Amino acid sequence: MRSTVIGSRHEITGVVTKVGSGVTNFKVRDRVGVGCIYASCRNCEFCEASEENYCDQV
């Protein structure tokens, strides 16, 4: 018998189950995720090149 091990990773994913009255960007059943880098500036040359791991803000 073969088993599959699912370990925790550094990205977080899920499905939206509820939204508040002020929420406009998400709806119930949307798939969502948070990558391991969430605090980059999104404006420097590295962020614009999708290389957020080099951003000075991280």
N, C-alpha and C. Protein backbone atom coordinates (compact mmCIF):
# COMPACT_ATOMS: atom_id res chain seq x y z
N MET A 1 0.84 -1.17 0.00
CA MET A 1 0.00 0.00 0.00
C MET A 1 0.89 1.24 0.00
N ARG A 2 0.55 2.22 -0.78
CA ARG A 2 1.32 3.45 -0.88
C ARG A 2 0.54 4.59 -0.22
N SER A 3 1.25 5.43 0.53
CA SER A 3 0.57 6.57 1.14
C SER A 3 1.18 7.86 0.62
N THR A 4 0.41 8.89 0.67
CA THR A 4 0.87 10.21 0.24
C THR A 4 0.97 11.10 1.46
N VAL A 5 2.10 11.74 1.61
CA VAL A 5 2.28 12.65 2.73
C VAL A 5 2.14 14.07 2.21
N ILE A 6 1.28 14.83 2.84
CA ILE A 6 1.11 16.22 2.48
C ILE A 6 1.62 17.05 3.64
N GLY A 7 2.74 17.69 3.45
CA GLY A 7 3.33 18.52 4.50
C GLY A 7 2.95 19.97 4.32
N SER A 8 3.18 20.74 5.34
CA SER A 8 2.90 22.17 5.24
C SER A 8 3.97 22.84 4.40
N ARG A 9 3.60 23.84 3.70
CA ARG A 9 4.50 24.59 2.84
C ARG A 9 4.51 26.04 3.32
N HIS A 10 5.23 26.90 2.59
CA HIS A 10 5.30 28.29 3.00
C HIS A 10 4.27 29.18 2.33
N GLU A 11 3.54 28.68 1.35
CA GLU A 11 2.44 29.44 0.78
C GLU A 11 1.15 29.03 1.45
N ILE A 12 0.22 29.95 1.51
CA ILE A 12 -1.06 29.69 2.16
C ILE A 12 -2.15 29.82 1.10
N THR A 13 -3.02 28.82 1.00
CA THR A 13 -4.11 28.88 0.04
C THR A 13 -5.42 28.52 0.72
N GLY A 14 -6.51 28.91 0.10
CA GLY A 14 -7.81 28.59 0.65
C GLY A 14 -8.92 29.00 -0.29
N VAL A 15 -10.14 28.87 0.21
CA VAL A 15 -11.33 29.24 -0.54
C VAL A 15 -12.14 30.19 0.34
N VAL A 16 -12.60 31.28 -0.24
CA VAL A 16 -13.38 32.27 0.50
C VAL A 16 -14.73 31.66 0.86
N THR A 17 -15.08 31.72 2.14
CA THR A 17 -16.37 31.19 2.60
C THR A 17 -17.35 32.29 2.99
N LYS A 18 -16.85 33.46 3.34
CA LYS A 18 -17.70 34.60 3.70
C LYS A 18 -16.99 35.88 3.29
N VAL A 19 -17.76 36.91 2.97
CA VAL A 19 -17.19 38.23 2.71
C VAL A 19 -18.01 39.27 3.46
N GLY A 20 -17.35 40.31 3.90
CA GLY A 20 -18.03 41.40 4.59
C GLY A 20 -18.73 42.33 3.60
N SER A 21 -19.57 43.21 4.11
CA SER A 21 -20.35 44.09 3.25
C SER A 21 -19.48 45.08 2.47
N GLY A 22 -18.29 45.40 2.97
CA GLY A 22 -17.42 46.34 2.28
C GLY A 22 -16.43 45.69 1.33
N VAL A 23 -16.47 44.38 1.21
CA VAL A 23 -15.51 43.67 0.36
C VAL A 23 -16.00 43.68 -1.09
N THR A 24 -15.13 44.13 -1.99
CA THR A 24 -15.51 44.18 -3.41
C THR A 24 -14.59 43.35 -4.30
N ASN A 25 -13.41 42.99 -3.79
CA ASN A 25 -12.44 42.28 -4.63
C ASN A 25 -12.56 40.77 -4.59
N PHE A 26 -13.34 40.23 -3.66
CA PHE A 26 -13.46 38.78 -3.51
C PHE A 26 -14.92 38.40 -3.38
N LYS A 27 -15.22 37.16 -3.76
CA LYS A 27 -16.57 36.64 -3.58
C LYS A 27 -16.48 35.22 -3.04
N VAL A 28 -17.56 34.74 -2.47
CA VAL A 28 -17.60 33.39 -1.92
C VAL A 28 -17.22 32.39 -3.01
N ARG A 29 -16.42 31.42 -2.65
CA ARG A 29 -15.90 30.35 -3.50
C ARG A 29 -14.70 30.76 -4.34
N ASP A 30 -14.22 32.01 -4.21
CA ASP A 30 -12.97 32.39 -4.88
C ASP A 30 -11.82 31.62 -4.27
N ARG A 31 -10.90 31.18 -5.09
CA ARG A 31 -9.66 30.57 -4.59
C ARG A 31 -8.68 31.70 -4.34
N VAL A 32 -8.05 31.67 -3.18
CA VAL A 32 -7.14 32.75 -2.80
C VAL A 32 -5.84 32.17 -2.27
N GLY A 33 -4.81 32.99 -2.25
CA GLY A 33 -3.54 32.53 -1.73
C GLY A 33 -2.65 33.68 -1.31
N VAL A 34 -1.73 33.38 -0.43
CA VAL A 34 -0.74 34.34 0.03
C VAL A 34 0.61 33.69 -0.17
N GLY A 35 1.45 34.32 -0.96
CA GLY A 35 2.78 33.79 -1.18
C GLY A 35 3.67 34.01 0.03
N CYS A 36 4.86 33.51 -0.05
CA CYS A 36 5.77 33.65 1.09
C CYS A 36 6.28 35.06 1.24
N ILE A 37 6.20 35.88 0.20
CA ILE A 37 6.63 37.28 0.28
C ILE A 37 5.38 38.13 0.11
N TYR A 38 5.00 38.82 1.16
CA TYR A 38 3.76 39.59 1.11
C TYR A 38 3.97 41.07 1.41
N ALA A 39 5.18 41.50 1.76
CA ALA A 39 5.40 42.89 2.17
C ALA A 39 6.35 43.63 1.24
N SER A 40 6.46 43.21 -0.01
CA SER A 40 7.34 43.91 -0.93
C SER A 40 6.70 45.23 -1.34
N CYS A 41 7.53 46.14 -1.86
CA CYS A 41 7.03 47.48 -2.20
C CYS A 41 6.18 47.49 -3.47
N ARG A 42 6.41 46.54 -4.37
CA ARG A 42 5.70 46.40 -5.63
C ARG A 42 6.00 47.51 -6.63
N ASN A 43 7.02 48.33 -6.33
CA ASN A 43 7.34 49.45 -7.21
C ASN A 43 8.79 49.49 -7.68
N CYS A 44 9.69 48.81 -6.99
CA CYS A 44 11.10 48.88 -7.36
C CYS A 44 11.38 48.01 -8.59
N GLU A 45 12.60 48.11 -9.09
CA GLU A 45 12.96 47.33 -10.29
C GLU A 45 12.81 45.83 -10.07
N PHE A 46 13.09 45.36 -8.85
CA PHE A 46 12.98 43.92 -8.57
C PHE A 46 11.52 43.48 -8.55
N CYS A 47 10.68 44.24 -7.87
CA CYS A 47 9.26 43.89 -7.82
C CYS A 47 8.63 43.91 -9.22
N GLU A 48 8.99 44.90 -10.00
CA GLU A 48 8.43 44.99 -11.35
C GLU A 48 8.91 43.85 -12.25
N ALA A 49 10.02 43.23 -11.88
CA ALA A 49 10.55 42.09 -12.64
C ALA A 49 10.13 40.75 -12.01
N SER A 50 9.16 40.79 -11.07
CA SER A 50 8.68 39.59 -10.36
C SER A 50 9.80 38.91 -9.57
N GLU A 51 10.72 39.71 -9.04
CA GLU A 51 11.81 39.20 -8.20
C GLU A 51 11.72 39.85 -6.82
N GLU A 52 10.53 39.73 -6.20
CA GLU A 52 10.26 40.40 -4.93
C GLU A 52 11.22 40.00 -3.82
N ASN A 53 11.82 38.83 -3.93
CA ASN A 53 12.74 38.38 -2.89
C ASN A 53 13.97 39.28 -2.78
N TYR A 54 14.24 40.12 -3.77
CA TYR A 54 15.36 41.05 -3.72
C TYR A 54 14.95 42.46 -3.28
N CYS A 55 13.68 42.69 -3.05
CA CYS A 55 13.17 44.01 -2.67
C CYS A 55 13.72 44.42 -1.31
N ASP A 56 14.11 45.70 -1.18
CA ASP A 56 14.63 46.21 0.09
C ASP A 56 13.57 46.25 1.19
N GLN A 57 12.30 46.23 0.83
CA GLN A 57 11.22 46.30 1.82
C GLN A 57 10.92 44.95 2.48
N VAL A 58 11.41 43.88 1.90
CA VAL A 58 11.11 42.54 2.43
C VAL A 58 11.96 42.27 3.65
